[in-house]
Amino acid sequence: MVEEIEAVARIAVETGRPVLDDRVLAAMRKVPRHEFVPGEQKRAAYRNRPLPIGEGQTISQPYIVALMTDLLELPPGAKVLEIGTGCGYQAAVLAEIADRVHSIEIVDSLGRQAAATLARLGYANVETRIGDGYLGWPEAAPFDAIIVTAAPDHIPRVLIEQLKSGGRMVIPVGTLSQELMVVRKAPDGSTLNETIVPVRFVPLTRGR
């Protein structure tokens, strides 16, 4: 799987990332993707494609997981916020690099299953909660990096507020047409937004 990720990265010139961080590739090698997918999908777990995980949600294509993690440019000792735990796979990849990962999932059944899987696999540096990811995790802020794994129709200001100065957020934005974006936060609180590549994610669900 990792060899295919590297091959895709080399030809995906629009991302500007033909070579991914060795830490990211090592994490992709180490995390057992088959542990995070339903039984009927396990045979396809190491193919470079998204898979359904139930509740209308998916586990992202491995290349996209690697790319988004790479785009975070995590510093040593990083504390990361993930919006959209899903099955927990992205959180596990992050946990191989970051010191602390806080991950929020709005779908109760998925969040509970992800928490159980992460605990079973020994990811003690991941803390999960059920809730509205659009609101972030203010009591644990600020974060060195934020990754959003479902697409809002705009960049939520509340998430920018929870990002450290100099931090980065990787987020898909849009409805029918989506773009993967990197948001960099300046010391004065302003942001520089960079569009990376067209993507297709499930919508970011808001709480009621």
N, C-alpha and C. Protein backbone atom coordinates (compact mmCIF):
# COMPACT_ATOMS: atom_id res chain seq x y z
N MET A 1 0.82 -1.21 0.00
CA MET A 1 0.00 0.00 0.00
C MET A 1 0.85 1.26 0.00
N VAL A 2 1.92 1.28 0.82
CA VAL A 2 2.75 2.47 0.91
C VAL A 2 3.46 2.75 -0.41
N GLU A 3 3.87 1.69 -1.09
CA GLU A 3 4.52 1.87 -2.39
C GLU A 3 3.56 2.54 -3.38
N GLU A 4 2.29 2.17 -3.32
CA GLU A 4 1.30 2.79 -4.20
C GLU A 4 1.08 4.25 -3.81
N ILE A 5 1.07 4.54 -2.52
CA ILE A 5 0.95 5.92 -2.06
C ILE A 5 2.10 6.76 -2.61
N GLU A 6 3.31 6.23 -2.52
CA GLU A 6 4.48 6.96 -3.02
C GLU A 6 4.39 7.18 -4.52
N ALA A 7 3.89 6.18 -5.24
CA ALA A 7 3.76 6.30 -6.69
C ALA A 7 2.74 7.37 -7.05
N VAL A 8 1.62 7.41 -6.35
CA VAL A 8 0.59 8.43 -6.60
C VAL A 8 1.15 9.81 -6.29
N ALA A 9 1.88 9.94 -5.19
CA ALA A 9 2.46 11.23 -4.82
C ALA A 9 3.39 11.76 -5.91
N ARG A 10 4.15 10.88 -6.51
CA ARG A 10 5.11 11.32 -7.54
C ARG A 10 4.42 11.91 -8.76
N ILE A 11 3.23 11.40 -9.09
CA ILE A 11 2.56 11.88 -10.30
C ILE A 11 1.50 12.95 -10.01
N ALA A 12 1.16 13.15 -8.75
CA ALA A 12 0.16 14.16 -8.38
C ALA A 12 0.84 15.52 -8.25
N VAL A 13 1.29 16.05 -9.37
CA VAL A 13 2.13 17.25 -9.36
C VAL A 13 1.40 18.47 -8.81
N GLU A 14 0.06 18.49 -8.91
CA GLU A 14 -0.69 19.66 -8.47
C GLU A 14 -0.61 19.88 -6.96
N THR A 15 -0.26 18.83 -6.21
CA THR A 15 -0.17 18.98 -4.76
C THR A 15 1.12 19.65 -4.33
N GLY A 16 2.13 19.63 -5.20
CA GLY A 16 3.44 20.17 -4.83
C GLY A 16 4.18 19.31 -3.84
N ARG A 17 3.74 18.05 -3.68
CA ARG A 17 4.35 17.15 -2.69
C ARG A 17 4.67 15.81 -3.33
N PRO A 18 5.67 15.77 -4.20
CA PRO A 18 5.99 14.50 -4.87
C PRO A 18 6.63 13.48 -3.94
N VAL A 19 7.19 13.95 -2.82
CA VAL A 19 7.80 13.06 -1.83
C VAL A 19 7.18 13.39 -0.48
N LEU A 20 6.61 12.40 0.18
CA LEU A 20 5.98 12.61 1.48
C LEU A 20 6.98 12.39 2.61
N ASP A 21 6.73 13.06 3.72
CA ASP A 21 7.56 12.97 4.92
C ASP A 21 7.76 11.51 5.33
N ASP A 22 9.00 11.15 5.65
CA ASP A 22 9.29 9.78 6.08
C ASP A 22 8.47 9.37 7.30
N ARG A 23 8.18 10.34 8.18
CA ARG A 23 7.38 10.02 9.37
C ARG A 23 5.97 9.59 8.99
N VAL A 24 5.44 10.24 7.96
CA VAL A 24 4.09 9.90 7.49
C VAL A 24 4.09 8.51 6.87
N LEU A 25 5.06 8.24 6.04
CA LEU A 25 5.12 6.92 5.40
C LEU A 25 5.33 5.82 6.43
N ALA A 26 6.15 6.08 7.44
CA ALA A 26 6.36 5.09 8.50
C ALA A 26 5.07 4.82 9.26
N ALA A 27 4.30 5.88 9.52
CA ALA A 27 3.02 5.71 10.20
C ALA A 27 2.04 4.91 9.35
N MET A 28 2.03 5.17 8.05
CA MET A 28 1.14 4.44 7.16
C MET A 28 1.51 2.96 7.11
N ARG A 29 2.80 2.67 7.21
CA ARG A 29 3.24 1.27 7.24
C ARG A 29 2.83 0.58 8.54
N LYS A 30 2.87 1.32 9.62
CA LYS A 30 2.68 0.71 10.94
C LYS A 30 1.21 0.48 11.30
N VAL A 31 0.34 1.42 10.95
CA VAL A 31 -1.06 1.33 11.40
C VAL A 31 -1.80 0.25 10.61
N PRO A 32 -2.40 -0.71 11.28
CA PRO A 32 -3.10 -1.82 10.60
C PRO A 32 -4.48 -1.39 10.10
N ARG A 33 -4.56 -0.97 8.85
CA ARG A 33 -5.83 -0.42 8.33
C ARG A 33 -6.97 -1.44 8.44
N HIS A 34 -6.66 -2.73 8.34
CA HIS A 34 -7.72 -3.73 8.37
C HIS A 34 -8.44 -3.75 9.72
N GLU A 35 -7.80 -3.25 10.76
CA GLU A 35 -8.43 -3.22 12.08
C GLU A 35 -9.53 -2.16 12.17
N PHE A 36 -9.56 -1.25 11.21
CA PHE A 36 -10.49 -0.12 11.28
C PHE A 36 -11.65 -0.23 10.30
N VAL A 37 -11.73 -1.29 9.53
CA VAL A 37 -12.81 -1.43 8.56
C VAL A 37 -13.70 -2.60 8.94
N PRO A 38 -14.97 -2.57 8.51
CA PRO A 38 -15.89 -3.67 8.82
C PRO A 38 -15.41 -4.99 8.22
N GLY A 39 -15.90 -6.08 8.76
CA GLY A 39 -15.45 -7.41 8.35
C GLY A 39 -15.52 -7.67 6.87
N GLU A 40 -16.60 -7.22 6.23
CA GLU A 40 -16.76 -7.50 4.80
C GLU A 40 -15.81 -6.68 3.94
N GLN A 41 -15.16 -5.66 4.52
CA GLN A 41 -14.23 -4.81 3.77
C GLN A 41 -12.76 -5.15 4.04
N LYS A 42 -12.49 -6.06 4.95
CA LYS A 42 -11.10 -6.29 5.37
C LYS A 42 -10.21 -6.77 4.22
N ARG A 43 -10.76 -7.52 3.29
CA ARG A 43 -9.94 -8.01 2.17
C ARG A 43 -9.45 -6.87 1.29
N ALA A 44 -10.18 -5.75 1.33
CA ALA A 44 -9.80 -4.60 0.51
C ALA A 44 -9.06 -3.53 1.32
N ALA A 45 -8.72 -3.84 2.56
CA ALA A 45 -8.21 -2.82 3.47
C ALA A 45 -6.94 -2.15 2.98
N TYR A 46 -6.09 -2.85 2.24
CA TYR A 46 -4.81 -2.28 1.84
C TYR A 46 -4.79 -1.86 0.37
N ARG A 47 -5.97 -1.72 -0.19
CA ARG A 47 -6.08 -1.10 -1.51
C ARG A 47 -6.15 0.41 -1.34
N ASN A 48 -5.64 1.11 -2.32
CA ASN A 48 -5.60 2.57 -2.24
C ASN A 48 -6.93 3.17 -2.68
N ARG A 49 -7.95 2.92 -1.88
CA ARG A 49 -9.27 3.48 -2.19
C ARG A 49 -10.08 3.61 -0.91
N PRO A 50 -11.07 4.53 -0.92
CA PRO A 50 -11.94 4.65 0.25
C PRO A 50 -12.83 3.43 0.38
N LEU A 51 -13.31 3.18 1.61
CA LEU A 51 -14.18 2.05 1.87
C LEU A 51 -15.31 2.49 2.79
N PRO A 52 -16.51 1.91 2.63
CA PRO A 52 -17.61 2.25 3.54
C PRO A 52 -17.37 1.68 4.93
N ILE A 53 -17.76 2.46 5.95
CA ILE A 53 -17.60 2.00 7.33
C ILE A 53 -18.93 2.01 8.08
N GLY A 54 -20.03 2.27 7.35
CA GLY A 54 -21.34 2.30 7.98
C GLY A 54 -21.80 3.72 8.27
N GLU A 55 -23.11 3.87 8.52
CA GLU A 55 -23.71 5.16 8.84
C GLU A 55 -23.49 6.20 7.74
N GLY A 56 -23.34 5.71 6.49
CA GLY A 56 -23.14 6.62 5.37
C GLY A 56 -21.77 7.27 5.33
N GLN A 57 -20.82 6.75 6.10
CA GLN A 57 -19.48 7.33 6.18
C GLN A 57 -18.46 6.40 5.53
N THR A 58 -17.26 6.94 5.29
CA THR A 58 -16.21 6.16 4.64
C THR A 58 -14.88 6.36 5.37
N ILE A 59 -13.99 5.39 5.19
CA ILE A 59 -12.58 5.57 5.54
C ILE A 59 -11.89 6.07 4.28
N SER A 60 -11.11 7.14 4.42
CA SER A 60 -10.53 7.80 3.25
C SER A 60 -9.52 6.93 2.52
N GLN A 61 -9.32 7.25 1.26
CA GLN A 61 -8.27 6.63 0.45
C GLN A 61 -6.92 6.81 1.18
N PRO A 62 -6.11 5.77 1.30
CA PRO A 62 -4.84 5.90 2.01
C PRO A 62 -3.96 7.05 1.52
N TYR A 63 -3.91 7.27 0.21
CA TYR A 63 -3.10 8.38 -0.29
C TYR A 63 -3.57 9.71 0.29
N ILE A 64 -4.88 9.91 0.37
CA ILE A 64 -5.42 11.16 0.90
C ILE A 64 -5.10 11.29 2.39
N VAL A 65 -5.19 10.19 3.12
CA VAL A 65 -4.79 10.21 4.54
C VAL A 65 -3.33 10.65 4.66
N ALA A 66 -2.47 10.07 3.85
CA ALA A 66 -1.04 10.40 3.89
C ALA A 66 -0.81 11.85 3.49
N LEU A 67 -1.47 12.29 2.42
CA LEU A 67 -1.29 13.67 1.94
C LEU A 67 -1.73 14.67 3.00
N MET A 68 -2.91 14.46 3.57
CA MET A 68 -3.42 15.41 4.57
C MET A 68 -2.52 15.45 5.80
N THR A 69 -2.03 14.29 6.21
CA THR A 69 -1.11 14.25 7.35
C THR A 69 0.18 14.98 7.02
N ASP A 70 0.70 14.77 5.82
CA ASP A 70 1.92 15.44 5.37
C ASP A 70 1.74 16.95 5.35
N LEU A 71 0.58 17.41 4.88
CA LEU A 71 0.32 18.84 4.77
C LEU A 71 0.26 19.54 6.12
N LEU A 72 0.00 18.79 7.18
CA LEU A 72 0.00 19.39 8.52
C LEU A 72 1.38 19.85 8.97
N GLU A 73 2.44 19.20 8.43
CA GLU A 73 3.83 19.52 8.80
C GLU A 73 3.97 19.56 10.33
N LEU A 74 3.63 18.46 10.97
CA LEU A 74 3.57 18.42 12.43
C LEU A 74 4.94 18.67 13.06
N PRO A 75 5.00 19.60 14.02
CA PRO A 75 6.25 19.84 14.74
C PRO A 75 6.46 18.78 15.81
N PRO A 76 7.66 18.66 16.34
CA PRO A 76 7.88 17.73 17.46
C PRO A 76 6.97 18.08 18.64
N GLY A 77 6.42 17.06 19.29
CA GLY A 77 5.57 17.28 20.44
C GLY A 77 4.20 17.84 20.12
N ALA A 78 3.75 17.66 18.90
CA ALA A 78 2.51 18.30 18.44
C ALA A 78 1.27 17.80 19.17
N LYS A 79 0.34 18.75 19.34
CA LYS A 79 -1.01 18.43 19.81
C LYS A 79 -1.96 18.72 18.65
N VAL A 80 -2.74 17.72 18.26
CA VAL A 80 -3.55 17.80 17.04
C VAL A 80 -5.02 17.62 17.38
N LEU A 81 -5.87 18.37 16.70
CA LEU A 81 -7.32 18.18 16.76
C LEU A 81 -7.79 17.59 15.45
N GLU A 82 -8.54 16.50 15.54
CA GLU A 82 -9.16 15.90 14.36
C GLU A 82 -10.67 16.07 14.45
N ILE A 83 -11.26 16.59 13.39
CA ILE A 83 -12.72 16.71 13.29
C ILE A 83 -13.21 15.60 12.38
N GLY A 84 -13.94 14.65 12.95
CA GLY A 84 -14.44 13.51 12.18
C GLY A 84 -13.61 12.27 12.43
N THR A 85 -13.80 11.64 13.58
CA THR A 85 -13.03 10.44 13.92
C THR A 85 -13.30 9.31 12.95
N GLY A 86 -14.57 9.17 12.52
CA GLY A 86 -14.93 8.05 11.66
C GLY A 86 -14.60 6.73 12.35
N CYS A 87 -13.82 5.91 11.68
CA CYS A 87 -13.44 4.61 12.24
C CYS A 87 -12.19 4.69 13.11
N GLY A 88 -11.51 5.84 13.12
CA GLY A 88 -10.33 6.02 13.96
C GLY A 88 -9.00 5.86 13.25
N TYR A 89 -9.03 5.52 11.96
CA TYR A 89 -7.77 5.25 11.24
C TYR A 89 -6.89 6.48 11.14
N GLN A 90 -7.46 7.62 10.73
CA GLN A 90 -6.66 8.83 10.62
C GLN A 90 -6.08 9.22 11.98
N ALA A 91 -6.86 9.07 13.03
CA ALA A 91 -6.37 9.39 14.38
C ALA A 91 -5.17 8.52 14.73
N ALA A 92 -5.21 7.25 14.36
CA ALA A 92 -4.10 6.34 14.64
C ALA A 92 -2.84 6.77 13.89
N VAL A 93 -3.00 7.16 12.63
CA VAL A 93 -1.86 7.64 11.85
C VAL A 93 -1.26 8.89 12.50
N LEU A 94 -2.12 9.82 12.90
CA LEU A 94 -1.65 11.03 13.58
C LEU A 94 -0.92 10.69 14.87
N ALA A 95 -1.46 9.72 15.60
CA ALA A 95 -0.90 9.35 16.90
C ALA A 95 0.49 8.75 16.80
N GLU A 96 0.85 8.23 15.63
CA GLU A 96 2.20 7.71 15.43
C GLU A 96 3.23 8.83 15.32
N ILE A 97 2.75 10.07 15.08
CA ILE A 97 3.66 11.20 14.86
C ILE A 97 3.53 12.24 15.97
N ALA A 98 2.29 12.55 16.34
CA ALA A 98 2.01 13.60 17.33
C ALA A 98 2.08 13.05 18.75
N ASP A 99 2.28 13.96 19.71
CA ASP A 99 2.26 13.57 21.12
C ASP A 99 0.83 13.32 21.60
N ARG A 100 -0.10 14.22 21.19
CA ARG A 100 -1.49 14.10 21.63
C ARG A 100 -2.43 14.33 20.46
N VAL A 101 -3.48 13.52 20.40
CA VAL A 101 -4.51 13.68 19.38
C VAL A 101 -5.86 13.75 20.09
N HIS A 102 -6.61 14.80 19.80
CA HIS A 102 -7.99 14.93 20.27
C HIS A 102 -8.89 14.77 19.04
N SER A 103 -9.85 13.87 19.10
CA SER A 103 -10.66 13.55 17.92
C SER A 103 -12.14 13.54 18.28
N ILE A 104 -12.93 14.21 17.45
CA ILE A 104 -14.36 14.38 17.69
C ILE A 104 -15.16 13.70 16.58
N GLU A 105 -16.19 12.96 16.96
CA GLU A 105 -17.08 12.30 16.00
C GLU A 105 -18.53 12.58 16.40
N ILE A 106 -19.34 12.98 15.45
CA ILE A 106 -20.73 13.31 15.76
C ILE A 106 -21.65 12.09 15.75
N VAL A 107 -21.26 11.03 15.03
CA VAL A 107 -22.09 9.82 14.96
C VAL A 107 -21.72 8.92 16.13
N ASP A 108 -22.64 8.75 17.05
CA ASP A 108 -22.36 8.06 18.31
C ASP A 108 -21.78 6.66 18.10
N SER A 109 -22.41 5.87 17.24
CA SER A 109 -21.97 4.48 17.06
C SER A 109 -20.56 4.41 16.49
N LEU A 110 -20.25 5.29 15.55
CA LEU A 110 -18.90 5.31 14.98
C LEU A 110 -17.87 5.76 16.01
N GLY A 111 -18.21 6.81 16.75
CA GLY A 111 -17.28 7.32 17.74
C GLY A 111 -16.95 6.30 18.81
N ARG A 112 -17.96 5.56 19.26
CA ARG A 112 -17.73 4.55 20.30
C ARG A 112 -16.89 3.39 19.76
N GLN A 113 -17.18 2.97 18.54
CA GLN A 113 -16.41 1.88 17.95
C GLN A 113 -14.96 2.30 17.72
N ALA A 114 -14.76 3.53 17.24
CA ALA A 114 -13.40 4.03 17.01
C ALA A 114 -12.63 4.09 18.32
N ALA A 115 -13.27 4.59 19.37
CA ALA A 115 -12.60 4.68 20.67
C ALA A 115 -12.18 3.30 21.16
N ALA A 116 -13.05 2.31 20.97
CA ALA A 116 -12.73 0.95 21.40
C ALA A 116 -11.57 0.37 20.60
N THR A 117 -11.57 0.61 19.29
CA THR A 117 -10.50 0.10 18.43
C THR A 117 -9.16 0.74 18.79
N LEU A 118 -9.17 2.05 18.96
CA LEU A 118 -7.93 2.76 19.31
C LEU A 118 -7.39 2.29 20.65
N ALA A 119 -8.27 2.08 21.61
CA ALA A 119 -7.83 1.59 22.93
C ALA A 119 -7.27 0.18 22.82
N ARG A 120 -7.94 -0.66 22.05
CA ARG A 120 -7.48 -2.05 21.91
C ARG A 120 -6.10 -2.12 21.26
N LEU A 121 -5.83 -1.19 20.35
CA LEU A 121 -4.54 -1.18 19.66
C LEU A 121 -3.46 -0.41 20.42
N GLY A 122 -3.82 0.13 21.57
CA GLY A 122 -2.82 0.76 22.42
C GLY A 122 -2.55 2.22 22.17
N TYR A 123 -3.45 2.92 21.50
CA TYR A 123 -3.23 4.34 21.22
C TYR A 123 -3.69 5.19 22.40
N ALA A 124 -2.89 5.16 23.46
CA ALA A 124 -3.23 5.88 24.69
C ALA A 124 -3.12 7.39 24.54
N ASN A 125 -2.45 7.86 23.50
CA ASN A 125 -2.31 9.30 23.29
C ASN A 125 -3.42 9.89 22.43
N VAL A 126 -4.48 9.13 22.20
CA VAL A 126 -5.66 9.63 21.49
C VAL A 126 -6.81 9.75 22.47
N GLU A 127 -7.42 10.93 22.51
CA GLU A 127 -8.63 11.14 23.31
C GLU A 127 -9.77 11.43 22.36
N THR A 128 -10.88 10.72 22.51
CA THR A 128 -12.02 10.90 21.62
C THR A 128 -13.22 11.41 22.40
N ARG A 129 -14.13 12.02 21.67
CA ARG A 129 -15.41 12.41 22.26
C ARG A 129 -16.49 12.41 21.18
N ILE A 130 -17.73 12.26 21.61
CA ILE A 130 -18.87 12.38 20.72
C ILE A 130 -19.35 13.82 20.80
N GLY A 131 -19.49 14.48 19.65
CA GLY A 131 -19.94 15.86 19.68
C GLY A 131 -19.90 16.50 18.31
N ASP A 132 -20.20 17.79 18.30
CA ASP A 132 -20.25 18.58 17.07
C ASP A 132 -18.85 19.10 16.77
N GLY A 133 -18.20 18.50 15.79
CA GLY A 133 -16.85 18.90 15.45
C GLY A 133 -16.72 20.32 14.97
N TYR A 134 -17.79 20.87 14.45
CA TYR A 134 -17.77 22.26 13.97
C TYR A 134 -17.36 23.21 15.10
N LEU A 135 -17.64 22.82 16.33
CA LEU A 135 -17.34 23.68 17.49
C LEU A 135 -15.94 23.44 18.04
N GLY A 136 -15.26 22.42 17.53
CA GLY A 136 -13.92 22.12 17.99
C GLY A 136 -13.90 21.56 19.40
N TRP A 137 -12.77 21.78 20.08
CA TRP A 137 -12.57 21.26 21.44
C TRP A 137 -11.92 22.38 22.24
N PRO A 138 -12.67 23.43 22.58
CA PRO A 138 -12.07 24.66 23.12
C PRO A 138 -11.26 24.47 24.39
N GLU A 139 -11.67 23.56 25.27
CA GLU A 139 -10.95 23.41 26.54
C GLU A 139 -9.58 22.77 26.36
N ALA A 140 -9.34 22.14 25.21
CA ALA A 140 -8.02 21.55 24.94
C ALA A 140 -7.17 22.43 24.03
N ALA A 141 -7.74 23.52 23.52
CA ALA A 141 -7.03 24.42 22.62
C ALA A 141 -5.97 25.22 23.40
N PRO A 142 -4.98 25.78 22.70
CA PRO A 142 -4.81 25.78 21.25
C PRO A 142 -4.07 24.54 20.75
N PHE A 143 -4.25 24.28 19.46
CA PHE A 143 -3.65 23.11 18.82
C PHE A 143 -2.57 23.54 17.84
N ASP A 144 -1.54 22.70 17.73
CA ASP A 144 -0.51 22.94 16.71
C ASP A 144 -1.06 22.73 15.31
N ALA A 145 -2.03 21.83 15.19
CA ALA A 145 -2.59 21.50 13.88
C ALA A 145 -4.01 20.99 14.06
N ILE A 146 -4.82 21.24 13.04
CA ILE A 146 -6.20 20.74 13.00
C ILE A 146 -6.41 20.08 11.65
N ILE A 147 -7.01 18.90 11.67
CA ILE A 147 -7.35 18.20 10.44
C ILE A 147 -8.84 17.92 10.44
N VAL A 148 -9.49 18.23 9.34
CA VAL A 148 -10.93 18.05 9.21
C VAL A 148 -11.17 17.02 8.12
N THR A 149 -11.90 15.96 8.45
CA THR A 149 -12.06 14.84 7.52
C THR A 149 -13.46 14.73 6.95
N ALA A 150 -14.21 15.83 7.02
CA ALA A 150 -15.50 15.96 6.34
C ALA A 150 -15.58 17.41 5.89
N ALA A 151 -16.39 17.67 4.86
CA ALA A 151 -16.33 18.97 4.20
C ALA A 151 -17.44 19.93 4.65
N PRO A 152 -17.08 21.05 5.30
CA PRO A 152 -18.04 22.13 5.51
C PRO A 152 -18.15 22.97 4.24
N ASP A 153 -19.15 23.85 4.21
CA ASP A 153 -19.27 24.71 3.02
C ASP A 153 -18.42 25.97 3.14
N HIS A 154 -17.79 26.17 4.30
CA HIS A 154 -16.86 27.28 4.51
C HIS A 154 -15.89 26.88 5.61
N ILE A 155 -14.86 27.67 5.80
CA ILE A 155 -13.88 27.39 6.85
C ILE A 155 -14.41 27.94 8.17
N PRO A 156 -14.68 27.08 9.15
CA PRO A 156 -15.25 27.56 10.41
C PRO A 156 -14.27 28.46 11.19
N ARG A 157 -14.72 29.66 11.51
CA ARG A 157 -13.88 30.60 12.25
C ARG A 157 -13.51 30.05 13.62
N VAL A 158 -14.43 29.31 14.23
CA VAL A 158 -14.18 28.80 15.57
C VAL A 158 -12.99 27.85 15.59
N LEU A 159 -12.76 27.13 14.49
CA LEU A 159 -11.60 26.24 14.43
C LEU A 159 -10.31 27.04 14.27
N ILE A 160 -10.36 28.10 13.49
CA ILE A 160 -9.18 28.97 13.35
C ILE A 160 -8.79 29.54 14.71
N GLU A 161 -9.80 29.90 15.52
CA GLU A 161 -9.53 30.47 16.84
C GLU A 161 -8.85 29.46 17.76
N GLN A 162 -9.04 28.16 17.50
CA GLN A 162 -8.44 27.13 18.35
C GLN A 162 -7.07 26.66 17.84
N LEU A 163 -6.59 27.31 16.79
CA LEU A 163 -5.30 26.98 16.20
C LEU A 163 -4.23 27.90 16.78
N LYS A 164 -3.08 27.34 17.12
CA LYS A 164 -1.97 28.15 17.61
C LYS A 164 -1.48 29.10 16.53
N SER A 165 -0.87 30.19 16.95
CA SER A 165 -0.18 31.06 16.01
C SER A 165 0.91 30.25 15.31
N GLY A 166 0.93 30.31 14.00
CA GLY A 166 1.87 29.52 13.23
C GLY A 166 1.38 28.12 12.91
N GLY A 167 0.19 27.77 13.42
CA GLY A 167 -0.36 26.44 13.18
C GLY A 167 -0.99 26.30 11.81
N ARG A 168 -1.33 25.06 11.48
CA ARG A 168 -1.89 24.75 10.17
C ARG A 168 -3.15 23.91 10.33
N MET A 169 -4.12 24.20 9.49
CA MET A 169 -5.32 23.38 9.41
C MET A 169 -5.46 22.87 7.99
N VAL A 170 -5.72 21.57 7.86
CA VAL A 170 -5.98 20.95 6.56
C VAL A 170 -7.45 20.57 6.54
N ILE A 171 -8.16 21.05 5.52
CA ILE A 171 -9.61 20.94 5.52
C ILE A 171 -10.16 20.90 4.09
N PRO A 172 -11.09 19.97 3.80
CA PRO A 172 -11.79 20.02 2.52
C PRO A 172 -12.96 21.00 2.64
N VAL A 173 -13.14 21.84 1.65
CA VAL A 173 -14.17 22.87 1.71
C VAL A 173 -15.02 22.83 0.45
N GLY A 174 -16.34 22.88 0.62
CA GLY A 174 -17.23 22.95 -0.53
C GLY A 174 -18.41 22.00 -0.38
N THR A 175 -19.32 22.12 -1.32
CA THR A 175 -20.50 21.26 -1.33
C THR A 175 -20.43 20.33 -2.54
N LEU A 176 -20.98 20.74 -3.66
CA LEU A 176 -20.91 19.90 -4.86
C LEU A 176 -19.49 19.81 -5.39
N SER A 177 -18.76 20.92 -5.30
CA SER A 177 -17.36 20.95 -5.71
C SER A 177 -16.53 21.26 -4.47
N GLN A 178 -15.53 20.44 -4.19
CA GLN A 178 -14.72 20.61 -2.98
C GLN A 178 -13.25 20.77 -3.33
N GLU A 179 -12.56 21.53 -2.49
CA GLU A 179 -11.12 21.70 -2.61
C GLU A 179 -10.46 21.40 -1.27
N LEU A 180 -9.35 20.68 -1.30
CA LEU A 180 -8.56 20.48 -0.10
C LEU A 180 -7.72 21.74 0.11
N MET A 181 -7.79 22.30 1.31
CA MET A 181 -7.12 23.56 1.59
C MET A 181 -6.20 23.44 2.79
N VAL A 182 -5.14 24.24 2.78
CA VAL A 182 -4.29 24.42 3.96
C VAL A 182 -4.49 25.85 4.45
N VAL A 183 -4.82 25.98 5.72
CA VAL A 183 -5.02 27.28 6.35
C VAL A 183 -3.87 27.51 7.32
N ARG A 184 -3.09 28.56 7.10
CA ARG A 184 -1.98 28.90 8.00
C ARG A 184 -2.37 30.11 8.83
N LYS A 185 -2.14 30.04 10.13
CA LYS A 185 -2.52 31.13 11.02
C LYS A 185 -1.32 31.99 11.36
N ALA A 186 -1.43 33.28 11.08
CA ALA A 186 -0.35 34.22 11.35
C ALA A 186 -0.41 34.71 12.80
N PRO A 187 0.67 35.31 13.31
CA PRO A 187 0.68 35.82 14.69
C PRO A 187 -0.42 36.83 14.99
N ASP A 188 -0.85 37.59 13.98
CA ASP A 188 -1.91 38.58 14.21
C ASP A 188 -3.32 37.98 14.11
N GLY A 189 -3.40 36.66 13.92
CA GLY A 189 -4.70 36.00 13.84
C GLY A 189 -5.25 35.88 12.44
N SER A 190 -4.61 36.54 11.48
CA SER A 190 -5.06 36.42 10.09
C SER A 190 -4.64 35.06 9.54
N THR A 191 -5.19 34.71 8.39
CA THR A 191 -4.88 33.42 7.79
C THR A 191 -4.46 33.56 6.34
N LEU A 192 -3.63 32.62 5.93
CA LEU A 192 -3.26 32.47 4.53
C LEU A 192 -3.80 31.12 4.09
N ASN A 193 -4.67 31.12 3.10
CA ASN A 193 -5.33 29.90 2.65
C ASN A 193 -4.76 29.47 1.30
N GLU A 194 -4.38 28.21 1.22
CA GLU A 194 -3.83 27.65 -0.02
C GLU A 194 -4.69 26.48 -0.48
N THR A 195 -5.10 26.52 -1.74
CA THR A 195 -5.86 25.42 -2.32
C THR A 195 -4.88 24.38 -2.88
N ILE A 196 -5.10 23.12 -2.51
CA ILE A 196 -4.15 22.07 -2.88
C ILE A 196 -4.64 21.25 -4.07
N VAL A 197 -5.82 20.65 -3.95
CA VAL A 197 -6.28 19.71 -4.97
C VAL A 197 -7.78 19.49 -4.82
N PRO A 198 -8.50 19.22 -5.91
CA PRO A 198 -9.92 18.86 -5.78
C PRO A 198 -10.07 17.53 -5.05
N VAL A 199 -11.09 17.44 -4.20
CA VAL A 199 -11.33 16.23 -3.43
C VAL A 199 -12.83 15.97 -3.34
N ARG A 200 -13.17 14.82 -2.78
CA ARG A 200 -14.58 14.50 -2.53
C ARG A 200 -14.71 13.84 -1.17
N PHE A 201 -15.30 14.57 -0.21
CA PHE A 201 -15.52 14.07 1.14
C PHE A 201 -17.00 14.10 1.47
N VAL A 202 -17.38 13.32 2.48
CA VAL A 202 -18.74 13.42 2.99
C VAL A 202 -18.90 14.80 3.63
N PRO A 203 -20.13 15.34 3.67
CA PRO A 203 -20.34 16.66 4.28
C PRO A 203 -20.07 16.64 5.78
N LEU A 204 -19.63 17.77 6.31
CA LEU A 204 -19.47 17.91 7.75
C LEU A 204 -20.85 18.09 8.37
N THR A 205 -21.24 17.15 9.21
CA THR A 205 -22.56 17.18 9.84
C THR A 205 -22.53 18.07 11.06
N ARG A 206 -23.51 18.95 11.17
CA ARG A 206 -23.64 19.82 12.33
C ARG A 206 -24.55 19.21 13.37
N GLY A 207 -24.30 19.54 14.64
CA GLY A 207 -25.18 19.12 15.71
C GLY A 207 -26.49 19.87 15.66
N ARG A 208 -27.49 19.34 16.33
CA ARG A 208 -28.81 19.98 16.33
C ARG A 208 -29.05 20.71 17.65
